[in-house]
mmCIF file of all heavy atoms, coordinates in Angstrom:
data_MODEL
# 
_entry.id   MODEL 
# 
loop_
_atom_site.group_PDB 
_atom_site.id 
_atom_site.type_symbol 
_atom_site.label_atom_id 
_atom_site.label_alt_id 
_atom_site.label_comp_id 
_atom_site.label_asym_id 
_atom_site.label_entity_id 
_atom_site.label_seq_id 
_atom_site.pdbx_PDB_ins_code 
_atom_site.Cartn_x 
_atom_site.Cartn_y 
_atom_site.Cartn_z 
_atom_site.occupancy 
_atom_site.B_iso_or_equiv 
_atom_site.pdbx_formal_charge 
_atom_site.auth_seq_id 
_atom_site.auth_comp_id 
_atom_site.auth_asym_id 
_atom_site.auth_atom_id 
_atom_site.pdbx_PDB_model_num 
ATOM 1   N N   . ASP A 1 1  ? -110.503 15.066 235.880 1.00 0.00 ? 1  ASP A N   1 
ATOM 2   C CA  . ASP A 1 1  ? -110.045 13.691 235.705 1.00 0.00 ? 1  ASP A CA  1 
ATOM 3   C C   . ASP A 1 1  ? -108.918 13.696 234.679 1.00 0.00 ? 1  ASP A C   1 
ATOM 4   O O   . ASP A 1 1  ? -109.155 13.879 233.486 1.00 0.00 ? 1  ASP A O   1 
ATOM 5   C CB  . ASP A 1 1  ? -111.200 12.799 235.225 1.00 0.00 ? 1  ASP A CB  1 
ATOM 6   C CG  . ASP A 1 1  ? -110.773 11.345 235.034 1.00 0.00 ? 1  ASP A CG  1 
ATOM 7   O OD1 . ASP A 1 1  ? -109.608 11.013 235.342 1.00 0.00 ? 1  ASP A OD1 1 
ATOM 8   O OD2 . ASP A 1 1  ? -111.599 10.537 234.565 1.00 0.00 ? 1  ASP A OD2 1 
ATOM 9   N N   . SER A 1 2  ? -107.706 13.517 235.137 1.00 0.00 ? 2  SER A N   1 
ATOM 10  C CA  . SER A 1 2  ? -106.556 13.584 234.242 1.00 0.00 ? 2  SER A CA  1 
ATOM 11  C C   . SER A 1 2  ? -106.348 12.305 233.444 1.00 0.00 ? 2  SER A C   1 
ATOM 12  O O   . SER A 1 2  ? -105.535 12.273 232.523 1.00 0.00 ? 2  SER A O   1 
ATOM 13  C CB  . SER A 1 2  ? -105.285 13.909 235.044 1.00 0.00 ? 2  SER A CB  1 
ATOM 14  O OG  . SER A 1 2  ? -105.408 15.167 235.674 1.00 0.00 ? 2  SER A OG  1 
ATOM 15  N N   . GLY A 1 3  ? -107.064 11.240 233.809 1.00 0.00 ? 3  GLY A N   1 
ATOM 16  C CA  . GLY A 1 3  ? -107.015 10.017 233.021 1.00 0.00 ? 3  GLY A CA  1 
ATOM 17  C C   . GLY A 1 3  ? -105.943 9.039  233.456 1.00 0.00 ? 3  GLY A C   1 
ATOM 18  O O   . GLY A 1 3  ? -105.316 9.162  234.510 1.00 0.00 ? 3  GLY A O   1 
ATOM 19  N N   . SER A 1 4  ? -105.735 8.057  232.614 1.00 0.00 ? 4  SER A N   1 
ATOM 20  C CA  . SER A 1 4  ? -104.791 6.981  232.917 1.00 0.00 ? 4  SER A CA  1 
ATOM 21  C C   . SER A 1 4  ? -103.402 7.316  232.396 1.00 0.00 ? 4  SER A C   1 
ATOM 22  O O   . SER A 1 4  ? -103.211 8.204  231.562 1.00 0.00 ? 4  SER A O   1 
ATOM 23  C CB  . SER A 1 4  ? -105.287 5.667  232.310 1.00 0.00 ? 4  SER A CB  1 
ATOM 24  O OG  . SER A 1 4  ? -105.473 5.806  230.914 1.00 0.00 ? 4  SER A OG  1 
ATOM 25  N N   . ASN A 1 5  ? -102.424 6.587  232.890 1.00 0.00 ? 5  ASN A N   1 
ATOM 26  C CA  . ASN A 1 5  ? -101.027 6.813  232.542 1.00 0.00 ? 5  ASN A CA  1 
ATOM 27  C C   . ASN A 1 5  ? -100.251 5.553  232.876 1.00 0.00 ? 5  ASN A C   1 
ATOM 28  O O   . ASN A 1 5  ? -100.557 4.855  233.841 1.00 0.00 ? 5  ASN A O   1 
ATOM 29  C CB  . ASN A 1 5  ? -100.486 7.998  233.356 1.00 0.00 ? 5  ASN A CB  1 
ATOM 30  C CG  . ASN A 1 5  ? -99.015  8.282  233.110 1.00 0.00 ? 5  ASN A CG  1 
ATOM 31  O OD1 . ASN A 1 5  ? -98.662  9.046  232.222 1.00 0.00 ? 5  ASN A OD1 1 
ATOM 32  N ND2 . ASN A 1 5  ? -98.135  7.668  233.890 1.00 0.00 ? 5  ASN A ND2 1 
ATOM 33  N N   . VAL A 1 6  ? -99.244  5.271  232.071 1.00 0.00 ? 6  VAL A N   1 
ATOM 34  C CA  . VAL A 1 6  ? -98.376  4.129  232.374 1.00 0.00 ? 6  VAL A CA  1 
ATOM 35  C C   . VAL A 1 6  ? -96.934  4.576  232.238 1.00 0.00 ? 6  VAL A C   1 
ATOM 36  O O   . VAL A 1 6  ? -96.583  5.342  231.337 1.00 0.00 ? 6  VAL A O   1 
ATOM 37  C CB  . VAL A 1 6  ? -98.678  2.932  231.432 1.00 0.00 ? 6  VAL A CB  1 
ATOM 38  C CG1 . VAL A 1 6  ? -98.287  3.221  230.003 1.00 0.00 ? 6  VAL A CG1 1 
ATOM 39  C CG2 . VAL A 1 6  ? -98.012  1.664  231.922 1.00 0.00 ? 6  VAL A CG2 1 
ATOM 40  N N   . GLY A 1 7  ? -96.100  4.173  233.195 1.00 0.00 ? 7  GLY A N   1 
ATOM 41  C CA  . GLY A 1 7  ? -94.668  4.415  233.096 1.00 0.00 ? 7  GLY A CA  1 
ATOM 42  C C   . GLY A 1 7  ? -93.997  3.207  232.471 1.00 0.00 ? 7  GLY A C   1 
ATOM 43  O O   . GLY A 1 7  ? -94.574  2.122  232.402 1.00 0.00 ? 7  GLY A O   1 
ATOM 44  N N   . VAL A 1 8  ? -92.758  3.403  231.998 1.00 0.00 ? 8  VAL A N   1 
ATOM 45  C CA  . VAL A 1 8  ? -92.052  2.290  231.364 1.00 0.00 ? 8  VAL A CA  1 
ATOM 46  C C   . VAL A 1 8  ? -90.586  2.284  231.785 1.00 0.00 ? 8  VAL A C   1 
ATOM 47  O O   . VAL A 1 8  ? -89.915  3.320  231.807 1.00 0.00 ? 8  VAL A O   1 
ATOM 48  C CB  . VAL A 1 8  ? -92.175  2.349  229.817 1.00 0.00 ? 8  VAL A CB  1 
ATOM 49  C CG1 . VAL A 1 8  ? -91.567  3.624  229.251 1.00 0.00 ? 8  VAL A CG1 1 
ATOM 50  C CG2 . VAL A 1 8  ? -91.549  1.120  229.177 1.00 0.00 ? 8  VAL A CG2 1 
ATOM 51  N N   . LEU A 1 9  ? -90.115  1.105  232.150 1.00 0.00 ? 9  LEU A N   1 
ATOM 52  C CA  . LEU A 1 9  ? -88.705  0.867  232.440 1.00 0.00 ? 9  LEU A CA  1 
ATOM 53  C C   . LEU A 1 9  ? -88.137  0.095  231.254 1.00 0.00 ? 9  LEU A C   1 
ATOM 54  O O   . LEU A 1 9  ? -88.591  -1.008 230.952 1.00 0.00 ? 9  LEU A O   1 
ATOM 55  C CB  . LEU A 1 9  ? -88.543  0.066  233.732 1.00 0.00 ? 9  LEU A CB  1 
ATOM 56  C CG  . LEU A 1 9  ? -87.119  -0.355 234.100 1.00 0.00 ? 9  LEU A CG  1 
ATOM 57  C CD1 . LEU A 1 9  ? -86.227  0.871  234.329 1.00 0.00 ? 9  LEU A CD1 1 
ATOM 58  C CD2 . LEU A 1 9  ? -87.139  -1.251 235.350 1.00 0.00 ? 9  LEU A CD2 1 
ATOM 59  N N   . VAL A 1 10 ? -87.165  0.693  230.578 1.00 0.00 ? 10 VAL A N   1 
ATOM 60  C CA  . VAL A 1 10 ? -86.609  0.111  229.362 1.00 0.00 ? 10 VAL A CA  1 
ATOM 61  C C   . VAL A 1 10 ? -85.314  -0.613 229.683 1.00 0.00 ? 10 VAL A C   1 
ATOM 62  O O   . VAL A 1 10 ? -84.334  0.007  230.114 1.00 0.00 ? 10 VAL A O   1 
ATOM 63  C CB  . VAL A 1 10 ? -86.357  1.193  228.289 1.00 0.00 ? 10 VAL A CB  1 
ATOM 64  C CG1 . VAL A 1 10 ? -85.812  0.551  227.007 1.00 0.00 ? 10 VAL A CG1 1 
ATOM 65  C CG2 . VAL A 1 10 ? -87.646  1.956  227.983 1.00 0.00 ? 10 VAL A CG2 1 
ATOM 66  N N   . ASP A 1 11 ? -85.334  -1.922 229.498 1.00 0.00 ? 11 ASP A N   1 
ATOM 67  C CA  . ASP A 1 11 ? -84.146  -2.755 229.639 1.00 0.00 ? 11 ASP A CA  1 
ATOM 68  C C   . ASP A 1 11 ? -83.496  -2.615 231.016 1.00 0.00 ? 11 ASP A C   1 
ATOM 69  O O   . ASP A 1 11 ? -82.276  -2.739 231.144 1.00 0.00 ? 11 ASP A O   1 
ATOM 70  C CB  . ASP A 1 11 ? -83.138  -2.410 228.538 1.00 0.00 ? 11 ASP A CB  1 
ATOM 71  C CG  . ASP A 1 11 ? -82.359  -3.629 228.069 1.00 0.00 ? 11 ASP A CG  1 
ATOM 72  O OD1 . ASP A 1 11 ? -82.966  -4.701 227.921 1.00 0.00 ? 11 ASP A OD1 1 
ATOM 73  O OD2 . ASP A 1 11 ? -81.137  -3.516 227.849 1.00 0.00 ? 11 ASP A OD2 1 
ATOM 74  N N   . GLY A 1 12 ? -84.298  -2.315 232.022 1.00 0.00 ? 12 GLY A N   1 
ATOM 75  C CA  . GLY A 1 12 ? -83.771  -2.172 233.374 1.00 0.00 ? 12 GLY A CA  1 
ATOM 76  C C   . GLY A 1 12 ? -82.864  -0.976 233.552 1.00 0.00 ? 12 GLY A C   1 
ATOM 77  O O   . GLY A 1 12 ? -82.206  -0.839 234.595 1.00 0.00 ? 12 GLY A O   1 
ATOM 78  N N   . THR A 1 13 ? -82.830  -0.071 232.573 1.00 0.00 ? 13 THR A N   1 
ATOM 79  C CA  . THR A 1 13 ? -81.848  1.022  232.579 1.00 0.00 ? 13 THR A CA  1 
ATOM 80  C C   . THR A 1 13 ? -82.482  2.389  232.711 1.00 0.00 ? 13 THR A C   1 
ATOM 81  O O   . THR A 1 13 ? -82.089  3.183  233.567 1.00 0.00 ? 13 THR A O   1 
ATOM 82  C CB  . THR A 1 13 ? -81.005  0.973  231.289 1.00 0.00 ? 13 THR A CB  1 
ATOM 83  O OG1 . THR A 1 13 ? -80.320  -0.278 231.230 1.00 0.00 ? 13 THR A OG1 1 
ATOM 84  C CG2 . THR A 1 13 ? -79.990  2.117  231.250 1.00 0.00 ? 13 THR A CG2 1 
ATOM 85  N N   . LEU A 1 14 ? -83.473  2.695  231.875 1.00 0.00 ? 14 LEU A N   1 
ATOM 86  C CA  . LEU A 1 14 ? -84.084  4.021  231.883 1.00 0.00 ? 14 LEU A CA  1 
ATOM 87  C C   . LEU A 1 14 ? -85.555  3.908  232.260 1.00 0.00 ? 14 LEU A C   1 
ATOM 88  O O   . LEU A 1 14 ? -86.286  3.109  231.676 1.00 0.00 ? 14 LEU A O   1 
ATOM 89  C CB  . LEU A 1 14 ? -83.952  4.696  230.515 1.00 0.00 ? 14 LEU A CB  1 
ATOM 90  C CG  . LEU A 1 14 ? -84.600  6.083  230.424 1.00 0.00 ? 14 LEU A CG  1 
ATOM 91  C CD1 . LEU A 1 14 ? -83.701  7.042  229.645 1.00 0.00 ? 14 LEU A CD1 1 
ATOM 92  C CD2 . LEU A 1 14 ? -85.976  6.020  229.753 1.00 0.00 ? 14 LEU A CD2 1 
ATOM 93  N N   . TYR A 1 15 ? -85.949  4.733  233.227 1.00 0.00 ? 15 TYR A N   1 
ATOM 94  C CA  . TYR A 1 15 ? -87.347  4.753  233.655 1.00 0.00 ? 15 TYR A CA  1 
ATOM 95  C C   . TYR A 1 15 ? -87.984  6.074  233.248 1.00 0.00 ? 15 TYR A C   1 
ATOM 96  O O   . TYR A 1 15 ? -87.510  7.156  233.616 1.00 0.00 ? 15 TYR A O   1 
ATOM 97  C CB  . TYR A 1 15 ? -87.445  4.589  235.174 1.00 0.00 ? 15 TYR A CB  1 
ATOM 98  C CG  . TYR A 1 15 ? -88.857  4.620  235.704 1.00 0.00 ? 15 TYR A CG  1 
ATOM 99  C CD1 . TYR A 1 15 ? -89.820  3.723  235.239 1.00 0.00 ? 15 TYR A CD1 1 
ATOM 100 C CD2 . TYR A 1 15 ? -89.241  5.538  236.680 1.00 0.00 ? 15 TYR A CD2 1 
ATOM 101 C CE1 . TYR A 1 15 ? -91.123  3.746  235.721 1.00 0.00 ? 15 TYR A CE1 1 
ATOM 102 C CE2 . TYR A 1 15 ? -90.535  5.564  237.181 1.00 0.00 ? 15 TYR A CE2 1 
ATOM 103 C CZ  . TYR A 1 15 ? -91.473  4.670  236.688 1.00 0.00 ? 15 TYR A CZ  1 
ATOM 104 O OH  . TYR A 1 15 ? -92.767  4.695  237.174 1.00 0.00 ? 15 TYR A OH  1 
ATOM 105 N N   . HIS A 1 16 ? -89.064  5.971  232.464 1.00 0.00 ? 16 HIS A N   1 
ATOM 106 C CA  . HIS A 1 16 ? -89.863  7.123  232.018 1.00 0.00 ? 16 HIS A CA  1 
ATOM 107 C C   . HIS A 1 16 ? -91.236  6.971  232.666 1.00 0.00 ? 16 HIS A C   1 
ATOM 108 O O   . HIS A 1 16 ? -91.989  6.058  232.321 1.00 0.00 ? 16 HIS A O   1 
ATOM 109 C CB  . HIS A 1 16 ? -89.969  7.102  230.502 1.00 0.00 ? 16 HIS A CB  1 
ATOM 110 C CG  . HIS A 1 16 ? -90.594  8.314  229.881 1.00 0.00 ? 16 HIS A CG  1 
ATOM 111 N ND1 . HIS A 1 16 ? -91.809  8.832  230.289 1.00 0.00 ? 16 HIS A ND1 1 
ATOM 112 C CD2 . HIS A 1 16 ? -90.173  9.113  228.851 1.00 0.00 ? 16 HIS A CD2 1 
ATOM 113 C CE1 . HIS A 1 16 ? -92.098  9.890  229.544 1.00 0.00 ? 16 HIS A CE1 1 
ATOM 114 N NE2 . HIS A 1 16 ? -91.135  10.083 228.672 1.00 0.00 ? 16 HIS A NE2 1 
ATOM 115 N N   . PRO A 1 17 ? -91.615  7.856  233.605 1.00 0.00 ? 17 PRO A N   1 
ATOM 116 C CA  . PRO A 1 17 ? -92.865  7.671  234.335 1.00 0.00 ? 17 PRO A CA  1 
ATOM 117 C C   . PRO A 1 17 ? -94.095  8.257  233.669 1.00 0.00 ? 17 PRO A C   1 
ATOM 118 O O   . PRO A 1 17 ? -95.189  8.181  234.235 1.00 0.00 ? 17 PRO A O   1 
ATOM 119 C CB  . PRO A 1 17 ? -92.585  8.389  235.652 1.00 0.00 ? 17 PRO A CB  1 
ATOM 120 C CG  . PRO A 1 17 ? -91.709  9.537  235.237 1.00 0.00 ? 17 PRO A CG  1 
ATOM 121 C CD  . PRO A 1 17 ? -90.841  8.997  234.123 1.00 0.00 ? 17 PRO A CD  1 
ATOM 122 N N   . GLY A 1 18 ? -93.925  8.840  232.454 1.00 0.00 ? 18 GLY A N   1 
ATOM 123 C CA  . GLY A 1 18 ? -95.048  9.566  231.880 1.00 0.00 ? 18 GLY A CA  1 
ATOM 124 C C   . GLY A 1 18 ? -95.368  10.759 232.756 1.00 0.00 ? 18 GLY A C   1 
ATOM 125 O O   . GLY A 1 18 ? -94.470  11.388 233.324 1.00 0.00 ? 18 GLY A O   1 
ATOM 126 N N   . ASP A 1 19 ? -96.643  11.080 232.888 1.00 0.00 ? 19 ASP A N   1 
ATOM 127 C CA  . ASP A 1 19 ? -97.055  12.196 233.745 1.00 0.00 ? 19 ASP A CA  1 
ATOM 128 C C   . ASP A 1 19 ? -97.451  11.665 235.119 1.00 0.00 ? 19 ASP A C   1 
ATOM 129 O O   . ASP A 1 19 ? -98.638  11.645 235.497 1.00 0.00 ? 19 ASP A O   1 
ATOM 130 C CB  . ASP A 1 19 ? -98.221  12.959 233.103 1.00 0.00 ? 19 ASP A CB  1 
ATOM 131 C CG  . ASP A 1 19 ? -97.755  13.930 232.036 1.00 0.00 ? 19 ASP A CG  1 
ATOM 132 O OD1 . ASP A 1 19 ? -96.541  13.953 231.735 1.00 0.00 ? 19 ASP A OD1 1 
ATOM 133 O OD2 . ASP A 1 19 ? -98.601  14.659 231.488 1.00 0.00 ? 19 ASP A OD2 1 
ATOM 134 N N   . SER A 1 20 ? -96.463  11.218 235.858 1.00 0.00 ? 20 SER A N   1 
ATOM 135 C CA  . SER A 1 20 ? -96.722  10.694 237.194 1.00 0.00 ? 20 SER A CA  1 
ATOM 136 C C   . SER A 1 20 ? -95.427  10.687 237.985 1.00 0.00 ? 20 SER A C   1 
ATOM 137 O O   . SER A 1 20 ? -94.335  10.841 237.424 1.00 0.00 ? 20 SER A O   1 
ATOM 138 C CB  . SER A 1 20 ? -97.287  9.269  237.131 1.00 0.00 ? 20 SER A CB  1 
ATOM 139 O OG  . SER A 1 20 ? -96.243  8.317  236.950 1.00 0.00 ? 20 SER A OG  1 
ATOM 140 N N   . PHE A 1 21 ? -95.559  10.473 239.272 1.00 0.00 ? 21 PHE A N   1 
ATOM 141 C CA  . PHE A 1 21 ? -94.407  10.238 240.134 1.00 0.00 ? 21 PHE A CA  1 
ATOM 142 C C   . PHE A 1 21 ? -94.474  8.826  240.704 1.00 0.00 ? 21 PHE A C   1 
ATOM 143 O O   . PHE A 1 21 ? -94.041  8.573  241.834 1.00 0.00 ? 21 PHE A O   1 
ATOM 144 C CB  . PHE A 1 21 ? -94.362  11.282 241.260 1.00 0.00 ? 21 PHE A CB  1 
ATOM 145 C CG  . PHE A 1 21 ? -94.064  12.677 240.771 1.00 0.00 ? 21 PHE A CG  1 
ATOM 146 C CD1 . PHE A 1 21 ? -94.932  13.720 241.062 1.00 0.00 ? 21 PHE A CD1 1 
ATOM 147 C CD2 . PHE A 1 21 ? -92.922  12.949 240.031 1.00 0.00 ? 21 PHE A CD2 1 
ATOM 148 C CE1 . PHE A 1 21 ? -94.663  15.009 240.616 1.00 0.00 ? 21 PHE A CE1 1 
ATOM 149 C CE2 . PHE A 1 21 ? -92.658  14.235 239.572 1.00 0.00 ? 21 PHE A CE2 1 
ATOM 150 C CZ  . PHE A 1 21 ? -93.523  15.270 239.876 1.00 0.00 ? 21 PHE A CZ  1 
ATOM 151 N N   . THR A 1 22 ? -95.007  7.901  239.945 1.00 0.00 ? 22 THR A N   1 
ATOM 152 C CA  . THR A 1 22 ? -95.035  6.504  240.347 1.00 0.00 ? 22 THR A CA  1 
ATOM 153 C C   . THR A 1 22 ? -93.605  5.985  240.450 1.00 0.00 ? 22 THR A C   1 
ATOM 154 O O   . THR A 1 22 ? -92.812  6.136  239.509 1.00 0.00 ? 22 THR A O   1 
ATOM 155 C CB  . THR A 1 22 ? -95.807  5.647  239.333 1.00 0.00 ? 22 THR A CB  1 
ATOM 156 O OG1 . THR A 1 22 ? -97.148  6.135  239.242 1.00 0.00 ? 22 THR A OG1 1 
ATOM 157 C CG2 . THR A 1 22 ? -95.830  4.182  239.757 1.00 0.00 ? 22 THR A CG2 1 
ATOM 158 N N   . LEU A 1 23 ? -93.277  5.365  241.564 1.00 0.00 ? 23 LEU A N   1 
ATOM 159 C CA  . LEU A 1 23 ? -91.915  4.898  241.792 1.00 0.00 ? 23 LEU A CA  1 
ATOM 160 C C   . LEU A 1 23 ? -91.660  3.598  241.034 1.00 0.00 ? 23 LEU A C   1 
ATOM 161 O O   . LEU A 1 23 ? -92.535  2.734  240.965 1.00 0.00 ? 23 LEU A O   1 
ATOM 162 C CB  . LEU A 1 23 ? -91.672  4.668  243.282 1.00 0.00 ? 23 LEU A CB  1 
ATOM 163 C CG  . LEU A 1 23 ? -91.782  5.905  244.181 1.00 0.00 ? 23 LEU A CG  1 
ATOM 164 C CD1 . LEU A 1 23 ? -91.687  5.486  245.641 1.00 0.00 ? 23 LEU A CD1 1 
ATOM 165 C CD2 . LEU A 1 23 ? -90.698  6.913  243.839 1.00 0.00 ? 23 LEU A CD2 1 
ATOM 166 N N   . PRO A 1 24 ? -90.462  3.428  240.484 1.00 0.00 ? 24 PRO A N   1 
ATOM 167 C CA  . PRO A 1 24 ? -90.108  2.131  239.910 1.00 0.00 ? 24 PRO A CA  1 
ATOM 168 C C   . PRO A 1 24 ? -89.888  1.128  241.043 1.00 0.00 ? 24 PRO A C   1 
ATOM 169 O O   . PRO A 1 24 ? -89.750  1.515  242.211 1.00 0.00 ? 24 PRO A O   1 
ATOM 170 C CB  . PRO A 1 24 ? -88.799  2.426  239.171 1.00 0.00 ? 24 PRO A CB  1 
ATOM 171 C CG  . PRO A 1 24 ? -88.201  3.571  239.923 1.00 0.00 ? 24 PRO A CG  1 
ATOM 172 C CD  . PRO A 1 24 ? -89.363  4.398  240.398 1.00 0.00 ? 24 PRO A CD  1 
ATOM 173 N N   . ASP A 1 25 ? -89.853  -0.155 240.707 1.00 0.00 ? 25 ASP A N   1 
ATOM 174 C CA  . ASP A 1 25 ? -89.719  -1.171 241.749 1.00 0.00 ? 25 ASP A CA  1 
ATOM 175 C C   . ASP A 1 25 ? -88.269  -1.467 242.105 1.00 0.00 ? 25 ASP A C   1 
ATOM 176 O O   . ASP A 1 25 ? -87.976  -2.422 242.817 1.00 0.00 ? 25 ASP A O   1 
ATOM 177 C CB  . ASP A 1 25 ? -90.428  -2.465 241.335 1.00 0.00 ? 25 ASP A CB  1 
ATOM 178 C CG  . ASP A 1 25 ? -89.824  -3.088 240.084 1.00 0.00 ? 25 ASP A CG  1 
ATOM 179 O OD1 . ASP A 1 25 ? -88.837  -2.528 239.550 1.00 0.00 ? 25 ASP A OD1 1 
ATOM 180 O OD2 . ASP A 1 25 ? -90.344  -4.119 239.629 1.00 0.00 ? 25 ASP A OD2 1 
ATOM 181 N N   . ARG A 1 26 ? -87.349  -0.640 241.604 1.00 0.00 ? 26 ARG A N   1 
ATOM 182 C CA  . ARG A 1 26 ? -85.926  -0.828 241.887 1.00 0.00 ? 26 ARG A CA  1 
ATOM 183 C C   . ARG A 1 26 ? -85.211  0.501  241.678 1.00 0.00 ? 26 ARG A C   1 
ATOM 184 O O   . ARG A 1 26 ? -85.766  1.429  241.101 1.00 0.00 ? 26 ARG A O   1 
ATOM 185 C CB  . ARG A 1 26 ? -85.328  -1.882 240.945 1.00 0.00 ? 26 ARG A CB  1 
ATOM 186 C CG  . ARG A 1 26 ? -85.248  -1.406 239.479 1.00 0.00 ? 26 ARG A CG  1 
ATOM 187 C CD  . ARG A 1 26 ? -84.990  -2.523 238.512 1.00 0.00 ? 26 ARG A CD  1 
ATOM 188 N NE  . ARG A 1 26 ? -86.221  -3.266 238.239 1.00 0.00 ? 26 ARG A NE  1 
ATOM 189 C CZ  . ARG A 1 26 ? -86.296  -4.243 237.358 1.00 0.00 ? 26 ARG A CZ  1 
ATOM 190 N NH1 . ARG A 1 26 ? -85.217  -4.624 236.706 1.00 0.00 ? 26 ARG A NH1 1 
ATOM 191 N NH2 . ARG A 1 26 ? -87.445  -4.869 237.152 1.00 0.00 ? 26 ARG A NH2 1 
# 
């Protein structure tokens, strides 16, 4: 169980997904 993770899109410019390949919504 690798646990939870959250990605972050900063100011609509840079997307950091953490340890995931979750796609941004844009």
